[in-house]
Amino acid sequence: NTVYLQMNSPKPEDTAAYYCAAKFTARLVRLYANRYEYDNWGQGTQV
């Protein structure tokens, strides 16, 4: 029940609070790049 983000060769411009988000969907193949499509959000972690 975990999603990961491996950050290799980060740059200073990658500095931000990072949030994971989840969208309930019946569609196996879909993925979503629009933040407004997500239903659930974490509290964030600072990088």
ModelCIF file with pLDDT and N, C-alpha, C, O atoms, coordinates in Angstrom:
data_MODEL
#
_entry.id   MODEL 
#
_entity.id                         1 
_entity.type                       polymer 
_entity.pdbx_number_of_molecules   1 
#
_entity_poly.entity_id                      1 
_entity_poly.type                           'polypeptide(L)' 
_entity_poly.nstd_linkage                   no 
_entity_poly.nstd_monomer                   no 
_entity_poly.pdbx_seq_one_letter_code       NTVYLQMNSPKPEDTAAYYCAAKFTARLVRLYANRYEYDNWGQGTQV 
_entity_poly.pdbx_seq_one_letter_code_can   NTVYLQMNSPKPEDTAAYYCAAKFTARLVRLYANRYEYDNWGQGTQV 
_entity_poly.pdbx_strand_id                 A 
#
loop_
_entity_poly_seq.entity_id 
_entity_poly_seq.num 
_entity_poly_seq.mon_id 
_entity_poly_seq.hetero 
1 1  ASN n 
1 2  THR n 
1 3  VAL n 
1 4  TYR n 
1 5  LEU n 
1 6  GLN n 
1 7  MET n 
1 8  ASN n 
1 9  SER n 
1 10 PRO n 
1 11 LYS n 
1 12 PRO n 
1 13 GLU n 
1 14 ASP n 
1 15 THR n 
1 16 ALA n 
1 17 ALA n 
1 18 TYR n 
1 19 TYR n 
1 20 CYS n 
1 21 ALA n 
1 22 ALA n 
1 23 LYS n 
1 24 PHE n 
1 25 THR n 
1 26 ALA n 
1 27 ARG n 
1 28 LEU n 
1 29 VAL n 
1 30 ARG n 
1 31 LEU n 
1 32 TYR n 
1 33 ALA n 
1 34 ASN n 
1 35 ARG n 
1 36 TYR n 
1 37 GLU n 
1 38 TYR n 
1 39 ASP n 
1 40 ASN n 
1 41 TRP n 
1 42 GLY n 
1 43 GLN n 
1 44 GLY n 
1 45 THR n 
1 46 GLN n 
1 47 VAL n 
#
_struct_asym.id          A 
_struct_asym.entity_id   1 
#
loop_
_ma_qa_metric.id 
_ma_qa_metric.mode 
_ma_qa_metric.name 
_ma_qa_metric.software_group_id 
_ma_qa_metric.type 
1 global pLDDT . pLDDT 
2 local  pLDDT . pLDDT 
#
_ma_qa_metric_global.metric_id      1 
_ma_qa_metric_global.metric_value   96.89 
_ma_qa_metric_global.model_id       1 
_ma_qa_metric_global.ordinal_id     1 
#
loop_
_ma_qa_metric_local.label_asym_id 
_ma_qa_metric_local.label_comp_id 
_ma_qa_metric_local.label_seq_id 
_ma_qa_metric_local.metric_id 
_ma_qa_metric_local.metric_value 
_ma_qa_metric_local.model_id 
_ma_qa_metric_local.ordinal_id 
A ASN 1  2 97.00 1 1  
A THR 2  2 98.00 1 2  
A VAL 3  2 98.00 1 3  
A TYR 4  2 98.00 1 4  
A LEU 5  2 98.00 1 5  
A GLN 6  2 98.00 1 6  
A MET 7  2 98.00 1 7  
A ASN 8  2 98.00 1 8  
A SER 9  2 97.00 1 9  
A PRO 10 2 98.00 1 10 
A LYS 11 2 97.00 1 11 
A PRO 12 2 97.00 1 12 
A GLU 13 2 97.00 1 13 
A ASP 14 2 98.00 1 14 
A THR 15 2 98.00 1 15 
A ALA 16 2 98.00 1 16 
A ALA 17 2 98.00 1 17 
A TYR 18 2 98.00 1 18 
A TYR 19 2 98.00 1 19 
A CYS 20 2 98.00 1 20 
A ALA 21 2 98.00 1 21 
A ALA 22 2 98.00 1 22 
A LYS 23 2 97.00 1 23 
A PHE 24 2 96.00 1 24 
A THR 25 2 94.00 1 25 
A ALA 26 2 95.00 1 26 
A ARG 27 2 93.00 1 27 
A LEU 28 2 93.00 1 28 
A VAL 29 2 93.00 1 29 
A ARG 30 2 95.00 1 30 
A LEU 31 2 95.00 1 31 
A TYR 32 2 97.00 1 32 
A ALA 33 2 97.00 1 33 
A ASN 34 2 97.00 1 34 
A ARG 35 2 97.00 1 35 
A TYR 36 2 97.00 1 36 
A GLU 37 2 97.00 1 37 
A TYR 38 2 97.00 1 38 
A ASP 39 2 91.00 1 39 
A ASN 40 2 97.00 1 40 
A TRP 41 2 98.00 1 41 
A GLY 42 2 98.00 1 42 
A GLN 43 2 97.00 1 43 
A GLY 44 2 98.00 1 44 
A THR 45 2 98.00 1 45 
A GLN 46 2 98.00 1 46 
A VAL 47 2 98.00 1 47 
#
loop_
_atom_site.group_PDB 
_atom_site.id 
_atom_site.type_symbol 
_atom_site.label_atom_id 
_atom_site.label_alt_id 
_atom_site.label_comp_id 
_atom_site.label_asym_id 
_atom_site.label_entity_id 
_atom_site.label_seq_id 
_atom_site.pdbx_PDB_ins_code 
_atom_site.Cartn_x 
_atom_site.Cartn_y 
_atom_site.Cartn_z 
_atom_site.occupancy 
_atom_site.B_iso_or_equiv 
_atom_site.pdbx_formal_charge 
_atom_site.auth_seq_id 
_atom_site.auth_comp_id 
_atom_site.auth_asym_id 
_atom_site.auth_atom_id 
_atom_site.pdbx_PDB_model_num 
ATOM 1   N N  . ASN A 1 1  ? 0.827   -1.220 0.000   1.00 97.00 ? 1  ASN A N  1 
ATOM 2   C CA . ASN A 1 1  ? 0.000   0.000  0.000   1.00 97.00 ? 1  ASN A CA 1 
ATOM 3   C C  . ASN A 1 1  ? 0.858   1.265  0.000   1.00 97.00 ? 1  ASN A C  1 
ATOM 4   O O  . ASN A 1 1  ? 0.586   2.213  0.736   1.00 97.00 ? 1  ASN A O  1 
ATOM 5   N N  . THR A 1 2  ? 1.880   1.263  -0.823  1.00 98.00 ? 2  THR A N  1 
ATOM 6   C CA . THR A 1 2  ? 2.835   2.370  -0.799  1.00 98.00 ? 2  THR A CA 1 
ATOM 7   C C  . THR A 1 2  ? 3.221   2.781  -2.219  1.00 98.00 ? 2  THR A C  1 
ATOM 8   O O  . THR A 1 2  ? 3.403   1.944  -3.103  1.00 98.00 ? 2  THR A O  1 
ATOM 9   N N  . VAL A 1 3  ? 3.339   4.085  -2.407  1.00 98.00 ? 3  VAL A N  1 
ATOM 10  C CA . VAL A 1 3  ? 3.870   4.628  -3.646  1.00 98.00 ? 3  VAL A CA 1 
ATOM 11  C C  . VAL A 1 3  ? 5.163   5.366  -3.303  1.00 98.00 ? 3  VAL A C  1 
ATOM 12  O O  . VAL A 1 3  ? 5.293   5.954  -2.229  1.00 98.00 ? 3  VAL A O  1 
ATOM 13  N N  . TYR A 1 4  ? 6.109   5.324  -4.229  1.00 98.00 ? 4  TYR A N  1 
ATOM 14  C CA . TYR A 1 4  ? 7.440   5.892  -3.993  1.00 98.00 ? 4  TYR A CA 1 
ATOM 15  C C  . TYR A 1 4  ? 7.773   6.933  -5.059  1.00 98.00 ? 4  TYR A C  1 
ATOM 16  O O  . TYR A 1 4  ? 7.250   6.908  -6.173  1.00 98.00 ? 4  TYR A O  1 
ATOM 17  N N  . LEU A 1 5  ? 8.650   7.835  -4.681  1.00 98.00 ? 5  LEU A N  1 
ATOM 18  C CA . LEU A 1 5  ? 9.244   8.738  -5.649  1.00 98.00 ? 5  LEU A CA 1 
ATOM 19  C C  . LEU A 1 5  ? 10.749  8.737  -5.410  1.00 98.00 ? 5  LEU A C  1 
ATOM 20  O O  . LEU A 1 5  ? 11.233  9.307  -4.432  1.00 98.00 ? 5  LEU A O  1 
ATOM 21  N N  . GLN A 1 6  ? 11.473  8.102  -6.300  1.00 98.00 ? 6  GLN A N  1 
ATOM 22  C CA . GLN A 1 6  ? 12.926  8.090  -6.236  1.00 98.00 ? 6  GLN A CA 1 
ATOM 23  C C  . GLN A 1 6  ? 13.440  9.333  -6.929  1.00 98.00 ? 6  GLN A C  1 
ATOM 24  O O  . GLN A 1 6  ? 13.204  9.535  -8.120  1.00 98.00 ? 6  GLN A O  1 
ATOM 25  N N  . MET A 1 7  ? 14.145  10.165 -6.178  1.00 98.00 ? 7  MET A N  1 
ATOM 26  C CA . MET A 1 7  ? 14.663  11.419 -6.709  1.00 98.00 ? 7  MET A CA 1 
ATOM 27  C C  . MET A 1 7  ? 16.169  11.268 -6.888  1.00 98.00 ? 7  MET A C  1 
ATOM 28  O O  . MET A 1 7  ? 16.920  11.256 -5.913  1.00 98.00 ? 7  MET A O  1 
ATOM 29  N N  . ASN A 1 8  ? 16.597  11.154 -8.122  1.00 98.00 ? 8  ASN A N  1 
ATOM 30  C CA . ASN A 1 8  ? 18.016  11.049 -8.443  1.00 98.00 ? 8  ASN A CA 1 
ATOM 31  C C  . ASN A 1 8  ? 18.502  12.379 -9.019  1.00 98.00 ? 8  ASN A C  1 
ATOM 32  O O  . ASN A 1 8  ? 17.762  13.077 -9.712  1.00 98.00 ? 8  ASN A O  1 
ATOM 33  N N  . SER A 1 9  ? 19.735  12.710 -8.725  1.00 97.00 ? 9  SER A N  1 
ATOM 34  C CA . SER A 1 9  ? 20.337  13.961 -9.194  1.00 97.00 ? 9  SER A CA 1 
ATOM 35  C C  . SER A 1 9  ? 19.416  15.151 -8.976  1.00 97.00 ? 9  SER A C  1 
ATOM 36  O O  . SER A 1 9  ? 19.167  15.906 -9.917  1.00 97.00 ? 9  SER A O  1 
ATOM 37  N N  . PRO A 1 10 ? 18.908  15.340 -7.781  1.00 98.00 ? 10 PRO A N  1 
ATOM 38  C CA . PRO A 1 10 ? 18.043  16.490 -7.564  1.00 98.00 ? 10 PRO A CA 1 
ATOM 39  C C  . PRO A 1 10 ? 18.803  17.796 -7.743  1.00 98.00 ? 10 PRO A C  1 
ATOM 40  O O  . PRO A 1 10 ? 20.024  17.852 -7.601  1.00 98.00 ? 10 PRO A O  1 
ATOM 41  N N  . LYS A 1 11 ? 18.054  18.840 -8.056  1.00 97.00 ? 11 LYS A N  1 
ATOM 42  C CA . LYS A 1 11 ? 18.605  20.160 -8.278  1.00 97.00 ? 11 LYS A CA 1 
ATOM 43  C C  . LYS A 1 11 ? 17.991  21.129 -7.259  1.00 97.00 ? 11 LYS A C  1 
ATOM 44  O O  . LYS A 1 11 ? 16.930  20.843 -6.705  1.00 97.00 ? 11 LYS A O  1 
ATOM 45  N N  . PRO A 1 12 ? 18.626  22.238 -7.012  1.00 97.00 ? 12 PRO A N  1 
ATOM 46  C CA . PRO A 1 12 ? 18.050  23.209 -6.078  1.00 97.00 ? 12 PRO A CA 1 
ATOM 47  C C  . PRO A 1 12 ? 16.620  23.614 -6.451  1.00 97.00 ? 12 PRO A C  1 
ATOM 48  O O  . PRO A 1 12 ? 15.803  23.884 -5.570  1.00 97.00 ? 12 PRO A O  1 
ATOM 49  N N  . GLU A 1 13 ? 16.322  23.656 -7.722  1.00 97.00 ? 13 GLU A N  1 
ATOM 50  C CA . GLU A 1 13 ? 14.964  24.032 -8.150  1.00 97.00 ? 13 GLU A CA 1 
ATOM 51  C C  . GLU A 1 13 ? 13.928  22.955 -7.857  1.00 97.00 ? 13 GLU A C  1 
ATOM 52  O O  . GLU A 1 13 ? 12.734  23.191 -8.042  1.00 97.00 ? 13 GLU A O  1 
ATOM 53  N N  . ASP A 1 14 ? 14.353  21.785 -7.405  1.00 98.00 ? 14 ASP A N  1 
ATOM 54  C CA . ASP A 1 14 ? 13.408  20.752 -6.973  1.00 98.00 ? 14 ASP A CA 1 
ATOM 55  C C  . ASP A 1 14 ? 12.961  20.964 -5.525  1.00 98.00 ? 14 ASP A C  1 
ATOM 56  O O  . ASP A 1 14 ? 12.104  20.234 -5.027  1.00 98.00 ? 14 ASP A O  1 
ATOM 57  N N  . THR A 1 15 ? 13.529  21.947 -4.861  1.00 98.00 ? 15 THR A N  1 
ATOM 58  C CA . THR A 1 15 ? 13.148  22.242 -3.481  1.00 98.00 ? 15 THR A CA 1 
ATOM 59  C C  . THR A 1 15 ? 11.676  22.627 -3.414  1.00 98.00 ? 15 THR A C  1 
ATOM 60  O O  . THR A 1 15 ? 11.230  23.549 -4.096  1.00 98.00 ? 15 THR A O  1 
ATOM 61  N N  . ALA A 1 16 ? 10.925  21.903 -2.577  1.00 98.00 ? 16 ALA A N  1 
ATOM 62  C CA . ALA A 1 16 ? 9.483   22.128 -2.461  1.00 98.00 ? 16 ALA A CA 1 
ATOM 63  C C  . ALA A 1 16 ? 8.914   21.187 -1.410  1.00 98.00 ? 16 ALA A C  1 
ATOM 64  O O  . ALA A 1 16 ? 9.595   20.279 -0.931  1.00 98.00 ? 16 ALA A O  1 
ATOM 65  N N  . ALA A 1 17 ? 7.666   21.417 -1.066  1.00 98.00 ? 17 ALA A N  1 
ATOM 66  C CA . ALA A 1 17 ? 6.908   20.425 -0.310  1.00 98.00 ? 17 ALA A CA 1 
ATOM 67  C C  . ALA A 1 17 ? 6.325   19.443 -1.322  1.00 98.00 ? 17 ALA A C  1 
ATOM 68  O O  . ALA A 1 17 ? 5.720   19.850 -2.314  1.00 98.00 ? 17 ALA A O  1 
ATOM 69  N N  . TYR A 1 18 ? 6.508   18.167 -1.070  1.00 98.00 ? 18 TYR A N  1 
ATOM 70  C CA . TYR A 1 18 ? 6.038   17.131 -1.998  1.00 98.00 ? 18 TYR A CA 1 
ATOM 71  C C  . TYR A 1 18 ? 4.820   16.431 -1.393  1.00 98.00 ? 18 TYR A C  1 
ATOM 72  O O  . TYR A 1 18 ? 4.806   16.043 -0.224  1.00 98.00 ? 18 TYR A O  1 
ATOM 73  N N  . TYR A 1 19 ? 3.804   16.288 -2.238  1.00 98.00 ? 19 TYR A N  1 
ATOM 74  C CA . TYR A 1 19 ? 2.538   15.709 -1.809  1.00 98.00 ? 19 TYR A CA 1 
ATOM 75  C C  . TYR A 1 19 ? 2.204   14.494 -2.662  1.00 98.00 ? 19 TYR A C  1 
ATOM 76  O O  . TYR A 1 19 ? 2.376   14.520 -3.881  1.00 98.00 ? 19 TYR A O  1 
ATOM 77  N N  . CYS A 1 20 ? 1.732   13.444 -2.032  1.00 98.00 ? 20 CYS A N  1 
ATOM 78  C CA . CYS A 1 20 ? 1.175   12.362 -2.831  1.00 98.00 ? 20 CYS A CA 1 
ATOM 79  C C  . CYS A 1 20 ? -0.342  12.513 -2.861  1.00 98.00 ? 20 CYS A C  1 
ATOM 80  O O  . CYS A 1 20 ? -0.947  13.099 -1.963  1.00 98.00 ? 20 CYS A O  1 
ATOM 81  N N  . ALA A 1 21 ? -0.931  11.974 -3.911  1.00 98.00 ? 21 ALA A N  1 
ATOM 82  C CA . ALA A 1 21 ? -2.368  12.104 -4.124  1.00 98.00 ? 21 ALA A CA 1 
ATOM 83  C C  . ALA A 1 21 ? -2.909  10.804 -4.693  1.00 98.00 ? 21 ALA A C  1 
ATOM 84  O O  . ALA A 1 21 ? -2.199  10.066 -5.376  1.00 98.00 ? 21 ALA A O  1 
ATOM 85  N N  . ALA A 1 22 ? -4.167  10.534 -4.404  1.00 98.00 ? 22 ALA A N  1 
ATOM 86  C CA . ALA A 1 22 ? -4.803  9.295  -4.849  1.00 98.00 ? 22 ALA A CA 1 
ATOM 87  C C  . ALA A 1 22 ? -6.131  9.608  -5.515  1.00 98.00 ? 22 ALA A C  1 
ATOM 88  O O  . ALA A 1 22 ? -6.905  10.439 -5.040  1.00 98.00 ? 22 ALA A O  1 
ATOM 89  N N  . LYS A 1 23 ? -6.377  8.925  -6.627  1.00 97.00 ? 23 LYS A N  1 
ATOM 90  C CA . LYS A 1 23 ? -7.664  9.060  -7.309  1.00 97.00 ? 23 LYS A CA 1 
ATOM 91  C C  . LYS A 1 23 ? -8.289  7.694  -7.477  1.00 97.00 ? 23 LYS A C  1 
ATOM 92  O O  . LYS A 1 23 ? -7.732  6.817  -8.137  1.00 97.00 ? 23 LYS A O  1 
ATOM 93  N N  . PHE A 1 24 ? -9.448  7.523  -6.876  1.00 96.00 ? 24 PHE A N  1 
ATOM 94  C CA . PHE A 1 24 ? -10.194 6.285  -7.047  1.00 96.00 ? 24 PHE A CA 1 
ATOM 95  C C  . PHE A 1 24 ? -10.680 6.213  -8.486  1.00 96.00 ? 24 PHE A C  1 
ATOM 96  O O  . PHE A 1 24 ? -11.286 7.160  -8.986  1.00 96.00 ? 24 PHE A O  1 
ATOM 97  N N  . THR A 1 25 ? -10.417 5.093  -9.156  1.00 94.00 ? 25 THR A N  1 
ATOM 98  C CA . THR A 1 25 ? -10.830 4.950  -10.547 1.00 94.00 ? 25 THR A CA 1 
ATOM 99  C C  . THR A 1 25 ? -11.062 3.493  -10.889 1.00 94.00 ? 25 THR A C  1 
ATOM 100 O O  . THR A 1 25 ? -10.375 2.602  -10.389 1.00 94.00 ? 25 THR A O  1 
ATOM 101 N N  . ALA A 1 26 ? -12.046 3.266  -11.753 1.00 95.00 ? 26 ALA A N  1 
ATOM 102 C CA . ALA A 1 26 ? -12.311 1.909  -12.227 1.00 95.00 ? 26 ALA A CA 1 
ATOM 103 C C  . ALA A 1 26 ? -11.418 1.575  -13.422 1.00 95.00 ? 26 ALA A C  1 
ATOM 104 O O  . ALA A 1 26 ? -11.371 0.432  -13.875 1.00 95.00 ? 26 ALA A O  1 
ATOM 105 N N  . ARG A 1 27 ? -10.715 2.584  -13.923 1.00 93.00 ? 27 ARG A N  1 
ATOM 106 C CA . ARG A 1 27 ? -9.914  2.409  -15.129 1.00 93.00 ? 27 ARG A CA 1 
ATOM 107 C C  . ARG A 1 27 ? -8.497  1.968  -14.785 1.00 93.00 ? 27 ARG A C  1 
ATOM 108 O O  . ARG A 1 27 ? -7.739  2.720  -14.172 1.00 93.00 ? 27 ARG A O  1 
ATOM 109 N N  . LEU A 1 28 ? -8.145  0.763  -15.176 1.00 93.00 ? 28 LEU A N  1 
ATOM 110 C CA . LEU A 1 28 ? -6.832  0.219  -14.862 1.00 93.00 ? 28 LEU A CA 1 
ATOM 111 C C  . LEU A 1 28 ? -5.710  1.013  -15.510 1.00 93.00 ? 28 LEU A C  1 
ATOM 112 O O  . LEU A 1 28 ? -4.676  1.234  -14.879 1.00 93.00 ? 28 LEU A O  1 
ATOM 113 N N  . VAL A 1 29 ? -5.886  1.446  -16.748 1.00 93.00 ? 29 VAL A N  1 
ATOM 114 C CA . VAL A 1 29 ? -4.765  1.994  -17.518 1.00 93.00 ? 29 VAL A CA 1 
ATOM 115 C C  . VAL A 1 29 ? -4.593  3.499  -17.338 1.00 93.00 ? 29 VAL A C  1 
ATOM 116 O O  . VAL A 1 29 ? -3.545  4.042  -17.686 1.00 93.00 ? 29 VAL A O  1 
ATOM 117 N N  . ARG A 1 30 ? -5.599  4.180  -16.804 1.00 95.00 ? 30 ARG A N  1 
ATOM 118 C CA . ARG A 1 30 ? -5.526  5.639  -16.721 1.00 95.00 ? 30 ARG A CA 1 
ATOM 119 C C  . ARG A 1 30 ? -4.553  6.096  -15.669 1.00 95.00 ? 30 ARG A C  1 
ATOM 120 O O  . ARG A 1 30 ? -4.386  5.464  -14.627 1.00 95.00 ? 30 ARG A O  1 
ATOM 121 N N  . LEU A 1 31 ? -3.903  7.227  -15.967 1.00 95.00 ? 31 LEU A N  1 
ATOM 122 C CA . LEU A 1 31 ? -3.180  7.955  -14.953 1.00 95.00 ? 31 LEU A CA 1 
ATOM 123 C C  . LEU A 1 31 ? -3.544  9.428  -15.122 1.00 95.00 ? 31 LEU A C  1 
ATOM 124 O O  . LEU A 1 31 ? -4.071  9.832  -16.159 1.00 95.00 ? 31 LEU A O  1 
ATOM 125 N N  . TYR A 1 32 ? -3.261  10.214 -14.107 1.00 97.00 ? 32 TYR A N  1 
ATOM 126 C CA . TYR A 1 32 ? -3.817  11.562 -14.032 1.00 97.00 ? 32 TYR A CA 1 
ATOM 127 C C  . TYR A 1 32 ? -2.734  12.572 -13.681 1.00 97.00 ? 32 TYR A C  1 
ATOM 128 O O  . TYR A 1 32 ? -2.030  12.418 -12.683 1.00 97.00 ? 32 TYR A O  1 
ATOM 129 N N  . ALA A 1 33 ? -2.606  13.596 -14.498 1.00 97.00 ? 33 ALA A N  1 
ATOM 130 C CA . ALA A 1 33 ? -1.599  14.630 -14.260 1.00 97.00 ? 33 ALA A CA 1 
ATOM 131 C C  . ALA A 1 33 ? -2.211  15.926 -13.736 1.00 97.00 ? 33 ALA A C  1 
ATOM 132 O O  . ALA A 1 33 ? -1.491  16.846 -13.347 1.00 97.00 ? 33 ALA A O  1 
ATOM 133 N N  . ASN A 1 34 ? -3.519  15.995 -13.727 1.00 97.00 ? 34 ASN A N  1 
ATOM 134 C CA . ASN A 1 34 ? -4.209  17.208 -13.296 1.00 97.00 ? 34 ASN A CA 1 
ATOM 135 C C  . ASN A 1 34 ? -4.551  17.104 -11.818 1.00 97.00 ? 34 ASN A C  1 
ATOM 136 O O  . ASN A 1 34 ? -5.254  16.181 -11.407 1.00 97.00 ? 34 ASN A O  1 
ATOM 137 N N  . ARG A 1 35 ? -4.068  18.028 -11.031 1.00 97.00 ? 35 ARG A N  1 
ATOM 138 C CA . ARG A 1 35 ? -4.254  17.943 -9.574  1.00 97.00 ? 35 ARG A CA 1 
ATOM 139 C C  . ARG A 1 35 ? -5.723  17.986 -9.177  1.00 97.00 ? 35 ARG A C  1 
ATOM 140 O O  . ARG A 1 35 ? -6.098  17.459 -8.129  1.00 97.00 ? 35 ARG A O  1 
ATOM 141 N N  . TYR A 1 36 ? -6.559  18.612 -10.007 1.00 97.00 ? 36 TYR A N  1 
ATOM 142 C CA . TYR A 1 36 ? -7.971  18.747 -9.672  1.00 97.00 ? 36 TYR A CA 1 
ATOM 143 C C  . TYR A 1 36 ? -8.733  17.439 -9.835  1.00 97.00 ? 36 TYR A C  1 
ATOM 144 O O  . TYR A 1 36 ? -9.887  17.339 -9.421  1.00 97.00 ? 36 TYR A O  1 
ATOM 145 N N  . GLU A 1 37 ? -8.098  16.439 -10.432 1.00 97.00 ? 37 GLU A N  1 
ATOM 146 C CA . GLU A 1 37 ? -8.750  15.149 -10.599 1.00 97.00 ? 37 GLU A CA 1 
ATOM 147 C C  . GLU A 1 37 ? -8.557  14.240 -9.395  1.00 97.00 ? 37 GLU A C  1 
ATOM 148 O O  . GLU A 1 37 ? -9.186  13.185 -9.311  1.00 97.00 ? 37 GLU A O  1 
ATOM 149 N N  . TYR A 1 38 ? -7.703  14.629 -8.472  1.00 97.00 ? 38 TYR A N  1 
ATOM 150 C CA . TYR A 1 38 ? -7.398  13.780 -7.328  1.00 97.00 ? 38 TYR A CA 1 
ATOM 151 C C  . TYR A 1 38 ? -8.343  14.055 -6.160  1.00 97.00 ? 38 TYR A C  1 
ATOM 152 O O  . TYR A 1 38 ? -8.711  15.196 -5.881  1.00 97.00 ? 38 TYR A O  1 
ATOM 153 N N  . ASP A 1 39 ? -8.720  12.967 -5.490  1.00 91.00 ? 39 ASP A N  1 
ATOM 154 C CA . ASP A 1 39 ? -9.694  13.041 -4.415  1.00 91.00 ? 39 ASP A CA 1 
ATOM 155 C C  . ASP A 1 39 ? -9.054  13.134 -3.031  1.00 91.00 ? 39 ASP A C  1 
ATOM 156 O O  . ASP A 1 39 ? -9.640  13.684 -2.098  1.00 91.00 ? 39 ASP A O  1 
ATOM 157 N N  . ASN A 1 40 ? -7.859  12.597 -2.913  1.00 97.00 ? 40 ASN A N  1 
ATOM 158 C CA . ASN A 1 40 ? -7.240  12.450 -1.600  1.00 97.00 ? 40 ASN A CA 1 
ATOM 159 C C  . ASN A 1 40 ? -5.797  12.924 -1.644  1.00 97.00 ? 40 ASN A C  1 
ATOM 160 O O  . ASN A 1 40 ? -5.071  12.676 -2.606  1.00 97.00 ? 40 ASN A O  1 
ATOM 161 N N  . TRP A 1 41 ? -5.399  13.612 -0.579  1.00 98.00 ? 41 TRP A N  1 
ATOM 162 C CA . TRP A 1 41 ? -4.057  14.188 -0.504  1.00 98.00 ? 41 TRP A CA 1 
ATOM 163 C C  . TRP A 1 41 ? -3.424  13.893 0.851   1.00 98.00 ? 41 TRP A C  1 
ATOM 164 O O  . TRP A 1 41 ? -4.104  13.808 1.873   1.00 98.00 ? 41 TRP A O  1 
ATOM 165 N N  . GLY A 1 42 ? -2.099  13.738 0.826   1.00 98.00 ? 42 GLY A N  1 
ATOM 166 C CA . GLY A 1 42 ? -1.357  13.656 2.065   1.00 98.00 ? 42 GLY A CA 1 
ATOM 167 C C  . GLY A 1 42 ? -1.027  15.044 2.578   1.00 98.00 ? 42 GLY A C  1 
ATOM 168 O O  . GLY A 1 42 ? -1.405  16.050 1.979   1.00 98.00 ? 42 GLY A O  1 
ATOM 169 N N  . GLN A 1 43 ? -0.319  15.083 3.695   1.00 97.00 ? 43 GLN A N  1 
ATOM 170 C CA . GLN A 1 43 ? 0.022   16.358 4.326   1.00 97.00 ? 43 GLN A CA 1 
ATOM 171 C C  . GLN A 1 43 ? 1.296   16.968 3.760   1.00 97.00 ? 43 GLN A C  1 
ATOM 172 O O  . GLN A 1 43 ? 1.576   18.146 3.982   1.00 97.00 ? 43 GLN A O  1 
ATOM 173 N N  . GLY A 1 44 ? 2.060   16.181 3.038   1.00 98.00 ? 44 GLY A N  1 
ATOM 174 C CA . GLY A 1 44 ? 3.262   16.708 2.408   1.00 98.00 ? 44 GLY A CA 1 
ATOM 175 C C  . GLY A 1 44 ? 4.522   16.423 3.206   1.00 98.00 ? 44 GLY A C  1 
ATOM 176 O O  . GLY A 1 44 ? 4.487   16.248 4.424   1.00 98.00 ? 44 GLY A O  1 
ATOM 177 N N  . THR A 1 45 ? 5.634   16.382 2.488   1.00 98.00 ? 45 THR A N  1 
ATOM 178 C CA . THR A 1 45 ? 6.943   16.238 3.113   1.00 98.00 ? 45 THR A CA 1 
ATOM 179 C C  . THR A 1 45 ? 7.897   17.207 2.418   1.00 98.00 ? 45 THR A C  1 
ATOM 180 O O  . THR A 1 45 ? 7.909   17.299 1.191   1.00 98.00 ? 45 THR A O  1 
ATOM 181 N N  . GLN A 1 46 ? 8.683   17.917 3.193   1.00 98.00 ? 46 GLN A N  1 
ATOM 182 C CA . GLN A 1 46 ? 9.556   18.947 2.646   1.00 98.00 ? 46 GLN A CA 1 
ATOM 183 C C  . GLN A 1 46 ? 10.845  18.344 2.115   1.00 98.00 ? 46 GLN A C  1 
ATOM 184 O O  . GLN A 1 46 ? 11.486  17.524 2.772   1.00 98.00 ? 46 GLN A O  1 
ATOM 185 N N  . VAL A 1 47 ? 11.213  18.768 0.912   1.00 98.00 ? 47 VAL A N  1 
ATOM 186 C CA . VAL A 1 47 ? 12.490  18.388 0.314   1.00 98.00 ? 47 VAL A CA 1 
ATOM 187 C C  . VAL A 1 47 ? 13.268  19.668 0.033   1.00 98.00 ? 47 VAL A C  1 
ATOM 188 O O  . VAL A 1 47 ? 14.388  19.611 -0.477  1.00 98.00 ? 47 VAL A O  1 
#
